Protein backbone atom coordinates (compact mmCIF):
# COMPACT_ATOMS: atom_id res chain seq x y z
CA MET A 1 35.19 -248.70 -43.78
CA SER A 2 32.12 -246.45 -45.83
CA ILE A 3 33.32 -243.44 -47.44
CA PRO A 4 31.54 -240.50 -46.61
CA SER A 5 29.76 -238.69 -49.07
CA LEU A 6 27.27 -235.20 -49.68
CA GLU A 7 25.05 -237.49 -51.61
CA ALA A 8 21.79 -235.82 -51.66
CA LEU A 9 18.82 -236.45 -53.45
CA PRO A 10 16.46 -234.44 -55.63
CA VAL A 11 16.39 -230.73 -55.96
CA ARG A 12 13.16 -229.12 -54.84
CA PRO A 13 10.45 -228.20 -57.27
CA GLY A 14 10.35 -224.67 -58.62
CA ALA A 15 14.39 -224.65 -57.29
CA ARG A 16 15.92 -222.17 -59.49
CA LEU A 17 18.87 -224.26 -59.98
CA LEU A 18 20.99 -225.16 -62.53
CA PRO A 19 20.55 -228.39 -63.86
CA ALA A 20 22.48 -231.02 -61.34
CA ALA A 21 24.28 -232.18 -64.19
CA SER A 22 25.50 -228.94 -65.48
CA TYR A 23 28.69 -228.79 -63.27
CA TRP A 24 29.90 -232.47 -64.50
CA TRP A 25 29.09 -231.13 -68.33
CA ALA A 26 31.09 -228.50 -67.93
CA CYS A 27 33.81 -230.80 -66.99
CA ALA A 28 33.70 -232.54 -70.08
CA GLY A 29 33.87 -229.62 -72.55
CA PHE A 30 36.95 -228.44 -70.79
CA ALA A 31 37.99 -232.45 -71.30
CA LEU A 32 37.35 -231.83 -74.67
CA ALA A 33 38.66 -229.45 -75.27
CA LEU A 34 41.73 -229.25 -73.80
CA ALA A 35 42.10 -232.67 -75.68
CA SER A 36 41.58 -230.77 -78.55
CA VAL A 37 44.00 -228.04 -78.85
CA THR A 38 46.72 -229.65 -76.63
CA THR A 39 50.20 -230.86 -78.55
CA LEU A 40 51.40 -232.86 -75.50
CA THR A 41 50.24 -236.42 -75.83
CA SER A 42 49.87 -236.76 -72.06
CA HIS A 43 46.97 -233.96 -71.65
CA ARG A 44 45.20 -235.91 -75.30
CA VAL A 45 45.07 -238.80 -73.01
CA TRP A 46 43.82 -237.11 -70.19
CA GLY A 47 41.27 -235.30 -72.10
CA LEU A 48 39.17 -237.94 -73.49
CA CYS A 49 39.54 -240.32 -70.74
CA ALA A 50 38.23 -237.73 -68.59
CA ALA A 51 35.62 -236.57 -70.60
CA VAL A 52 34.03 -239.97 -71.05
CA GLY A 53 34.02 -240.28 -67.18
CA TYR A 54 32.94 -236.84 -66.57
CA GLY A 55 29.60 -237.27 -69.53
CA THR A 56 28.84 -240.70 -67.00
CA ALA A 57 29.06 -238.70 -63.94
CA ALA A 58 26.72 -236.10 -65.54
CA LEU A 59 24.30 -238.72 -66.33
CA VAL A 60 24.35 -240.13 -62.97
CA ALA A 61 23.92 -236.91 -61.72
CA ARG A 62 21.03 -236.67 -63.91
CA ARG A 63 19.29 -239.53 -62.65
CA THR A 64 19.93 -238.74 -58.60
CA GLY A 65 19.52 -234.90 -58.92
CA SER A 66 22.75 -234.30 -57.16
CA PRO A 67 26.26 -233.62 -58.77
CA TRP A 68 27.60 -233.68 -55.27
CA ALA A 69 26.52 -237.42 -54.44
CA TRP A 70 29.44 -240.57 -54.31
CA ALA A 71 27.40 -242.35 -56.93
CA ALA A 72 28.54 -239.08 -59.50
CA ALA A 73 31.67 -238.51 -58.01
CA ARG A 74 32.75 -242.82 -58.83
CA PRO A 75 32.48 -242.31 -62.30
CA ALA A 76 34.19 -238.77 -62.92
CA LEU A 77 37.01 -240.04 -60.47
CA ALA A 78 38.00 -243.03 -62.45
CA GLY A 79 37.49 -241.24 -65.85
CA ALA A 80 39.63 -238.24 -64.75
CA VAL A 81 42.20 -240.13 -62.46
CA ALA A 82 42.37 -243.78 -62.06
CA VAL A 83 41.47 -244.89 -66.07
CA PRO A 84 44.03 -242.09 -67.77
CA LEU A 85 47.19 -242.99 -65.39
CA VAL A 86 47.10 -246.36 -66.06
CA VAL A 87 46.79 -245.88 -69.66
CA LEU A 88 49.66 -243.17 -69.74
CA MET A 89 51.44 -245.27 -67.05
CA VAL A 90 51.44 -248.16 -69.82
CA MET A 91 51.82 -246.29 -72.88
CA GLY A 92 55.05 -245.41 -70.71
CA VAL A 93 53.87 -241.44 -70.88
CA ALA A 94 54.06 -238.61 -68.44
CA GLN A 95 54.33 -234.93 -67.60
CA SER A 96 58.31 -234.33 -68.38
CA GLU A 97 58.57 -233.40 -64.76
CA VAL A 98 57.89 -237.14 -64.00
CA GLY A 99 61.49 -237.80 -65.52
CA VAL A 100 62.97 -235.19 -63.95
CA VAL A 101 61.84 -235.83 -60.39
CA GLU A 102 62.80 -239.46 -61.06
CA HIS A 103 66.35 -238.87 -62.69
CA SER A 104 67.02 -236.35 -59.38
CA GLY A 105 66.82 -239.39 -57.50
CA SER A 106 69.08 -241.04 -59.48
CA LEU A 107 71.31 -238.55 -58.73
CA LEU A 108 70.88 -238.08 -55.47
CA LEU A 109 71.38 -241.72 -54.42
CA SER A 110 74.61 -241.74 -57.02
CA GLY A 111 76.51 -238.38 -56.08
CA GLY A 112 74.72 -236.96 -52.82
CA SER A 113 73.56 -234.06 -55.31
CA PRO A 114 69.90 -233.86 -57.19
CA TYR A 115 71.38 -231.64 -60.02
CA VAL A 116 73.17 -232.37 -62.98
CA SER A 117 76.80 -230.33 -62.38
CA HIS A 118 76.88 -229.08 -66.13
CA PRO A 119 73.41 -229.14 -67.63
CA VAL A 120 73.04 -228.57 -71.30
CA GLU A 121 69.47 -229.29 -72.54
CA VAL A 122 66.26 -228.09 -70.66
CA GLY A 123 65.79 -231.47 -69.49
CA ASP A 124 68.89 -231.28 -67.28
CA TYR A 125 67.79 -228.90 -64.98
CA ASN A 126 66.09 -229.94 -62.09
CA PRO A 127 64.59 -226.51 -60.89
CA TYR A 128 63.00 -228.06 -57.09
CA LEU A 129 64.53 -228.22 -53.84
CA PRO A 130 66.12 -231.14 -52.75
CA GLY A 131 63.10 -232.34 -50.68
CA MET A 132 61.16 -233.12 -54.45
CA ALA A 133 63.84 -235.68 -54.98
CA LEU A 134 62.54 -237.92 -52.34
CA PHE A 135 59.87 -238.53 -54.92
CA GLY A 136 62.12 -240.39 -57.65
CA LEU A 137 64.20 -242.27 -54.59
CA PRO A 138 61.45 -245.22 -55.52
CA HIS A 139 62.42 -245.29 -59.28
CA ALA A 140 66.53 -245.23 -58.43
CA LEU A 141 65.62 -248.31 -56.70
CA LEU A 142 62.88 -250.55 -57.88
CA GLY A 143 63.37 -249.45 -61.62
CA GLU A 144 61.09 -249.59 -64.42
CA VAL A 145 58.12 -251.03 -62.00
CA PRO A 146 53.99 -249.22 -61.57
CA LEU A 147 54.94 -249.06 -57.76
CA ALA A 148 57.70 -246.27 -58.61
CA ASP A 149 56.26 -244.17 -60.54
CA ALA A 150 56.74 -240.65 -59.09
CA ARG A 151 52.83 -239.94 -59.83
CA LEU A 152 51.64 -242.69 -57.67
CA TRP A 153 53.62 -240.99 -54.83
CA PHE A 154 52.75 -237.61 -56.02
CA ALA A 155 48.97 -238.38 -55.50
CA VAL A 156 49.86 -239.90 -52.05
CA VAL A 157 51.35 -236.98 -50.47
CA PHE A 158 48.82 -234.79 -51.55
CA LEU A 159 45.67 -236.95 -50.94
CA ALA A 160 47.02 -238.09 -47.38
CA SER A 161 47.90 -234.29 -46.97
CA LEU A 162 44.43 -233.38 -47.28
CA GLY A 163 42.62 -236.25 -45.66
CA LEU A 164 44.76 -235.63 -42.55
CA ALA A 165 44.02 -231.73 -42.52
CA ALA A 166 40.41 -232.06 -43.02
CA ARG A 167 41.12 -234.64 -39.46
CA LEU A 168 42.44 -232.01 -38.20
CA GLY A 169 40.30 -229.14 -39.21
CA PRO A 170 38.05 -227.14 -37.10
CA GLY A 171 35.38 -229.49 -35.68
CA SER A 172 37.53 -232.13 -35.69
CA ARG A 173 36.55 -233.01 -32.24
CA GLN A 174 32.88 -233.73 -32.70
CA GLY A 175 33.85 -235.91 -35.10
CA GLU A 176 33.30 -233.08 -38.09
CA GLY A 177 36.70 -233.82 -39.71
CA ARG A 178 34.67 -237.16 -41.07
CA ALA A 179 32.59 -235.23 -43.35
CA GLY A 180 35.35 -232.91 -44.18
CA THR A 181 37.13 -235.68 -45.98
CA ALA A 182 33.65 -235.98 -48.43
CA VAL A 183 35.35 -233.00 -50.20
CA VAL A 184 38.24 -234.81 -51.06
CA PRO A 185 36.89 -236.97 -54.12
CA LEU A 186 35.48 -234.08 -55.35
CA LEU A 187 38.52 -232.04 -55.44
CA ALA A 188 40.59 -234.43 -57.10
CA ALA A 189 38.32 -235.29 -59.21
CA PHE A 190 38.28 -231.23 -60.24
CA PRO A 191 40.00 -231.05 -63.66
CA ALA A 192 42.50 -228.71 -62.31
CA VAL A 193 43.40 -231.12 -59.86
CA ALA A 194 42.62 -234.87 -61.52
CA LEU A 195 44.89 -233.82 -64.77
CA LEU A 196 48.19 -233.25 -62.30
CA LEU A 197 46.81 -236.70 -60.85
CA ALA A 198 47.06 -237.91 -63.95
CA VAL A 199 50.12 -236.42 -65.92
CA GLY A 200 52.38 -236.19 -63.13
CA GLY A 201 52.09 -232.80 -61.26
CA VAL A 202 55.14 -232.18 -59.08
CA ASP A 203 52.72 -229.40 -57.27
CA LEU A 204 50.34 -231.59 -55.66
CA PRO A 205 52.37 -232.43 -53.47
CA VAL A 206 53.71 -229.11 -52.00
CA ILE A 207 49.55 -228.03 -51.69
CA GLY A 208 48.52 -230.82 -49.79
CA LEU A 209 51.20 -229.85 -47.59
CA MET A 210 50.95 -226.33 -47.59
CA CYS A 211 46.80 -227.36 -46.31
CA LEU A 212 47.85 -229.46 -43.93
CA ALA A 213 50.49 -226.89 -42.46
CA LEU A 214 47.32 -224.36 -42.42
CA THR A 215 45.48 -226.47 -40.52
CA LEU A 216 48.24 -227.10 -38.28
CA ALA A 217 48.76 -223.56 -37.84
CA GLY A 218 45.07 -222.81 -36.86
CA ARG A 219 45.11 -225.40 -34.21
CA ARG A 220 46.21 -223.81 -30.69
CA GLY A 221 49.32 -225.87 -29.61
CA THR A 222 53.14 -225.29 -29.37
CA GLY A 223 53.29 -224.98 -33.12
CA THR A 224 55.92 -228.06 -33.10
CA TRP A 225 53.86 -230.21 -35.92
CA ALA A 226 52.68 -226.52 -37.88
CA GLY A 227 56.62 -226.38 -37.80
CA VAL A 228 57.31 -229.53 -39.40
CA ALA A 229 54.69 -229.48 -42.09
CA THR A 230 55.63 -226.00 -42.88
CA GLY A 231 59.18 -226.87 -43.69
CA ALA A 232 58.68 -230.06 -45.27
CA ALA A 233 56.90 -227.94 -47.71
CA ALA A 234 59.28 -225.67 -47.91
CA ALA A 235 61.76 -228.63 -48.81
CA LEU A 236 59.95 -229.40 -51.62
CA LYS A 237 59.99 -226.57 -54.03
CA TRP A 238 60.44 -222.29 -53.63
CA THR A 239 56.40 -221.76 -54.31
CA ALA A 240 55.78 -223.16 -50.64
CA TRP A 241 57.75 -220.39 -49.15
CA PRO A 242 55.35 -217.77 -48.79
CA LEU A 243 53.61 -220.11 -46.38
CA LEU A 244 56.20 -219.43 -43.89
CA PRO A 245 55.03 -215.72 -42.66
CA VAL A 246 51.32 -216.68 -43.09
CA ALA A 247 51.66 -219.83 -41.19
CA LEU A 248 53.58 -218.01 -37.94
CA VAL A 249 51.38 -214.94 -38.32
CA LEU A 250 48.12 -217.46 -38.01
CA VAL A 251 50.02 -219.62 -34.71
CA ALA A 252 50.80 -216.05 -33.12
CA ALA A 253 47.39 -215.41 -33.68
CA VAL A 254 45.98 -218.86 -32.76
CA SER A 255 48.69 -220.06 -30.07
CA GLY A 256 50.95 -217.00 -29.04
CA ARG A 257 54.18 -215.47 -29.90
CA ARG A 258 56.19 -218.14 -28.19
CA ALA A 259 54.93 -221.23 -29.95
CA ALA A 260 54.96 -219.02 -33.55
CA VAL A 261 58.93 -218.93 -32.31
CA ARG A 262 58.92 -222.36 -32.07
CA ALA A 263 57.28 -223.19 -35.37
CA GLY A 264 59.75 -220.92 -37.07
CA TRP A 265 62.64 -222.08 -35.93
CA VAL A 266 61.37 -225.95 -36.34
CA ALA A 267 60.28 -224.96 -40.32
CA LEU A 268 63.82 -223.70 -40.95
CA VAL A 269 65.49 -227.11 -39.48
CA VAL A 270 63.50 -229.34 -41.41
CA ALA A 271 63.83 -227.01 -44.25
CA CYS A 272 67.58 -226.24 -43.93
CA ALA A 273 67.86 -230.44 -42.89
CA VAL A 274 66.60 -231.32 -46.44
CA VAL A 275 68.03 -228.74 -48.66
CA LEU A 276 71.54 -227.81 -47.59
CA PRO A 277 73.32 -231.21 -47.59
CA SER A 278 72.63 -231.47 -51.36
CA ALA A 279 72.66 -227.93 -52.10
CA LEU A 280 76.24 -227.86 -50.45
CA VAL A 281 77.33 -230.73 -52.24
CA ASP A 282 77.19 -228.48 -55.96
CA PRO A 283 75.75 -224.91 -54.89
CA ARG A 284 76.88 -223.79 -58.33
CA ALA A 285 74.48 -226.26 -60.24
CA PHE A 286 71.81 -225.80 -57.06
CA VAL A 287 71.85 -221.74 -57.90
CA GLU A 288 71.70 -221.78 -61.11
CA GLN A 289 68.99 -224.67 -61.64
CA VAL A 290 66.87 -223.75 -58.54
CA VAL A 291 66.77 -220.07 -58.35
CA LEU A 292 68.04 -218.51 -61.79
CA PHE A 293 66.32 -220.75 -63.96
CA PRO A 294 62.67 -220.92 -62.33
CA LEU A 295 63.32 -216.89 -62.60
CA GLY A 296 64.03 -217.27 -66.48
CA ALA A 297 67.89 -216.19 -66.18
CA GLY A 298 69.04 -219.43 -66.79
CA HIS A 299 71.82 -220.26 -69.42
CA ALA A 300 68.68 -222.47 -71.00
CA GLY A 301 65.41 -220.57 -71.31
CA SER A 302 62.41 -222.19 -68.81
CA PRO A 303 59.63 -223.76 -70.62
CA ALA A 304 57.54 -222.27 -68.48
CA THR A 305 55.81 -219.22 -71.05
CA SER A 306 52.52 -219.50 -70.25
CA PRO A 307 51.27 -215.89 -71.59
CA LEU A 308 51.13 -213.98 -67.95
CA PRO A 309 51.88 -210.69 -67.13
CA GLY A 310 54.93 -211.05 -65.90
CA TYR A 311 55.71 -213.48 -69.27
CA LEU A 312 54.59 -210.50 -71.43
CA LEU A 313 56.46 -208.46 -69.73
CA ALA A 314 59.65 -210.27 -69.55
CA THR A 315 59.66 -211.33 -73.30
CA HIS A 316 57.85 -208.39 -75.31
CA VAL A 317 59.01 -205.22 -72.89
CA PRO A 318 62.64 -203.90 -72.96
CA GLY A 319 64.05 -204.27 -69.73
CA GLY A 320 60.73 -206.27 -69.01
CA ARG A 321 62.27 -208.85 -66.96
CA THR A 322 63.72 -206.44 -64.27
CA LEU A 323 60.27 -204.87 -64.26
CA ALA A 324 58.51 -208.63 -63.48
CA VAL A 325 61.03 -209.49 -60.85
CA ALA A 326 60.40 -205.73 -58.95
CA ALA A 327 56.95 -206.35 -59.54
CA LEU A 328 57.35 -209.75 -57.82
CA ALA A 329 59.09 -208.12 -55.15
CA ALA A 330 56.27 -205.27 -54.72
CA SER A 331 53.88 -207.90 -54.47
CA ALA A 332 55.37 -209.81 -51.67
CA VAL A 333 56.29 -206.67 -50.04
CA ALA A 334 52.58 -205.43 -49.88
CA ILE A 335 51.22 -209.23 -48.55
CA GLY A 336 54.51 -208.91 -46.25
CA VAL A 337 53.18 -205.16 -44.75
CA SER A 338 49.05 -206.34 -44.33
CA LEU A 339 50.15 -209.62 -42.79
CA THR A 340 52.04 -207.10 -40.10
CA VAL A 341 48.78 -204.18 -40.38
CA ARG A 342 46.09 -206.75 -40.57
CA PRO A 343 47.04 -210.37 -39.27
CA PRO A 344 45.06 -213.00 -39.98
CA ARG A 345 43.31 -214.72 -37.32
CA THR A 346 41.17 -217.99 -38.86
CA LEU A 347 41.92 -220.27 -41.20
CA VAL A 348 39.53 -218.86 -44.11
CA ALA A 349 41.66 -215.58 -43.69
CA ALA A 350 45.00 -216.90 -43.71
CA ALA A 351 44.14 -219.07 -46.77
CA ASP A 352 42.83 -215.69 -48.82
CA ARG A 353 46.03 -214.02 -47.92
CA LEU A 354 48.18 -217.19 -48.81
CA ALA A 355 45.84 -217.74 -52.00
CA LEU A 356 46.21 -213.81 -53.11
CA GLY A 357 49.96 -213.77 -52.67
CA LEU A 358 50.56 -216.93 -54.79
CA GLY A 359 48.28 -215.86 -57.40
CA LEU A 360 50.02 -211.95 -57.46
CA ALA A 361 53.47 -214.13 -57.68
CA MET A 362 52.20 -217.28 -60.42
CA CYS A 363 51.24 -213.80 -62.75
CA LEU A 364 54.49 -211.60 -62.28
CA MET A 365 56.83 -214.85 -62.39
CA PRO A 366 58.95 -213.77 -65.51
CA ALA A 367 58.31 -218.00 -66.25
CA THR A 368 55.41 -219.36 -65.42
CA ARG A 369 52.69 -221.53 -65.89
CA PHE A 370 48.56 -221.56 -66.11
CA GLY A 371 48.72 -224.75 -63.97
CA TYR A 372 50.57 -222.68 -61.41
CA LEU A 373 47.58 -221.43 -60.96
CA VAL A 374 46.10 -224.86 -58.94
CA TYR A 375 47.42 -223.24 -56.07
CA PRO A 376 45.27 -220.38 -55.45
CA MET A 377 42.44 -222.22 -56.56
CA VAL A 378 42.99 -225.05 -53.79
CA LEU A 379 43.57 -222.89 -51.06
CA LEU A 380 40.05 -220.93 -51.60
CA VAL A 381 38.37 -223.99 -51.89
CA TRP A 382 39.83 -225.97 -49.36
CA PHE A 383 38.99 -224.27 -46.26
CA ARG A 384 35.81 -223.13 -47.45
CA ARG A 385 34.86 -227.05 -47.76
CA GLU A 386 32.08 -226.29 -45.23
CA THR A 387 30.52 -223.69 -46.92
CA TRP A 388 30.95 -225.36 -49.98
CA THR A 389 28.89 -228.79 -47.34
CA ARG A 390 25.98 -225.92 -46.44
CA TRP A 391 25.39 -224.66 -50.18
CA ALA A 392 25.65 -228.24 -51.68
CA ALA A 393 23.01 -228.88 -48.52
CA LYS A 394 20.98 -226.20 -49.35
CA THR A 395 20.57 -226.44 -53.28
CA THR A 396 19.50 -230.04 -52.88
CA GLY A 397 16.73 -230.18 -50.63
CA ARG A 398 18.80 -230.34 -46.86
CA VAL A 399 17.52 -228.63 -44.03
CA VAL A 400 20.74 -228.21 -42.07
CA ALA A 401 19.90 -227.37 -38.53
CA GLY A 402 22.56 -227.48 -35.32
CA ARG A 403 24.93 -229.45 -36.17
CA GLY A 404 22.48 -232.19 -38.06
CA THR A 405 20.96 -231.90 -41.17
CA VAL A 406 17.96 -233.58 -42.69
CA VAL A 407 17.87 -234.41 -46.31
CA VAL A 408 13.82 -234.62 -47.52
CA THR A 409 13.65 -236.32 -50.55
CA GLY A 410 11.20 -236.38 -53.48
CA GLY A 411 9.59 -239.07 -55.06
CA ALA A 412 9.22 -241.63 -52.32
CA GLY A 413 9.21 -239.06 -49.50
CA ARG A 414 11.71 -240.53 -47.34
CA ALA A 415 13.67 -239.03 -45.03
CA VAL A 416 17.67 -239.54 -44.45
CA VAL A 417 19.91 -238.42 -41.68
CA GLU A 418 23.36 -238.16 -43.67
CA ALA A 419 26.99 -238.50 -42.71
CA LEU A 420 26.79 -234.80 -41.76
CA ALA A 421 24.60 -235.45 -38.80
CA PHE A 422 27.95 -235.12 -36.54
CA THR A 423 26.29 -235.17 -32.87
CA GLY A 424 24.24 -238.17 -33.92
CA ARG A 425 21.02 -236.11 -33.59
CA ALA A 426 19.33 -233.69 -36.04
CA GLU A 427 17.27 -231.06 -34.43
CA ALA A 428 15.77 -229.77 -37.58
CA GLU A 429 14.27 -225.86 -37.82
CA THR A 430 11.30 -227.32 -40.08
CA PRO A 431 9.08 -230.22 -39.51
CA ALA A 432 10.98 -233.60 -39.91
CA VAL A 433 9.78 -235.59 -42.59
CA THR A 434 8.34 -238.94 -40.43
CA GLY A 435 6.89 -242.11 -41.27
CA ARG A 436 3.48 -240.34 -41.32
CA ALA A 437 5.21 -238.21 -43.89
CA ARG A 438 5.71 -241.44 -45.91
CA ARG A 439 2.58 -242.48 -45.30
CA GLY A 440 1.37 -239.38 -46.99
CA GLU A 441 -0.04 -237.57 -43.93
CA LYS A 442 -0.10 -233.74 -43.12
CA GLU A 443 3.43 -232.40 -42.08
CA GLY A 444 4.07 -232.34 -38.75
CA PRO A 445 6.70 -232.32 -35.67
CA ALA A 446 7.59 -235.71 -35.24
CA PRO A 447 7.45 -237.82 -32.14
CA SER A 448 10.95 -237.75 -30.54
CA GLU A 449 11.34 -241.40 -29.71
CA GLU A 450 10.63 -242.20 -34.30
CA ALA A 451 12.85 -239.29 -35.24
CA GLY A 452 15.94 -240.71 -33.07
CA ARG A 453 15.22 -243.69 -34.65
CA GLY A 454 15.35 -242.46 -37.75
CA VAL A 455 18.76 -240.78 -37.04
CA ARG A 456 20.27 -244.08 -35.45
CA GLU A 457 19.76 -245.74 -38.50
CA CYS A 458 21.39 -243.55 -41.11
CA GLN A 459 24.52 -243.43 -38.78
CA PRO A 460 27.24 -243.35 -41.33
CA THR A 461 29.50 -246.75 -40.16
CA VAL A 462 33.36 -247.25 -40.37
């Protein structure tokens, strides 16, 4: 099966655009900067490998004239995801969260609870909901084998969720979902996401399921599957719970109140079915590690100490922890009121509202990290992927018309009808480049038979 891509060709002469390679050079600069300042071995290895991958992608993009070409994304994915992941697995190095999840899987398998009864050190704490321990079960069952590494399963759920969301998103019935999947590798190659894929970010499967749940909420139906996806995300980490009210409001706007009620009940049933059995085995450990520890109120201090407003307030202001929690609660109430007064009625509006709520929460939490901001970033980018597609088409010489796209190239002057020709035709608003243009003749309307043949020749293959 061929991989869909936003492949494009050289930018039109005179276009006031940044060089195509600048995007990847900026990514390489970020990777090198991180490698030079971090104290974490996993991040340093990622930075060095990713810098090479992004630099190669920049050279390829300079040659092809587009940073969005699959030819440029391939070395970026290899250098920023595949190579550092393999190197770190061989070294036996991972982000600390990976060890926590794998240990919780062993505890869940042996005692029914993924939480240490009497945690002493920070490493004994598991701040995630019981569903996250499922990613540690392969390691508990298979031991130290590459296939059992929790990082692989984080990545599988994240990428599979986004791929399914692209297939089920708006326009999927007309085949547009296939073009939406072209954004997945580009998003995976983005530094904030690629870093987590390589070192083991527990937030990625949560984000992927949140995107899938919102996509399902935006489809007309009974709300059942939207509830399943929402409940699955909510069973992994508290950061997914703001999704519940936003998704239900969107289901109500798209499919009616009855569907929203059904989606709400299904989400609660799924989440409770995963969370409650483990929580009831050792409720004291559950409260200590899942509720108090993330707020910085546990017996051990949280390692999440990025200097965002909530942390600075809790650390440097007398009574600041109470103020930070109060500000966090106030922001949640404000978002709730906005959902009531002005409910989102489209996927993009719902994603924006959720991104705003999560962004405020990440900034105001007493124990927080810069990495948590990947939540609003992915939400803002993912649900605007059609906008980014059009922008990429516009900046690389493509002419988007109706449901088709004509790509006008430089050099030999060929015309290619890309994978974005969803309906199998491209009725351009500007003169098409046809066989006569290839021979250097004056541009003009193309004969329909020849234009149709060009479209058929360039259909994406599966």
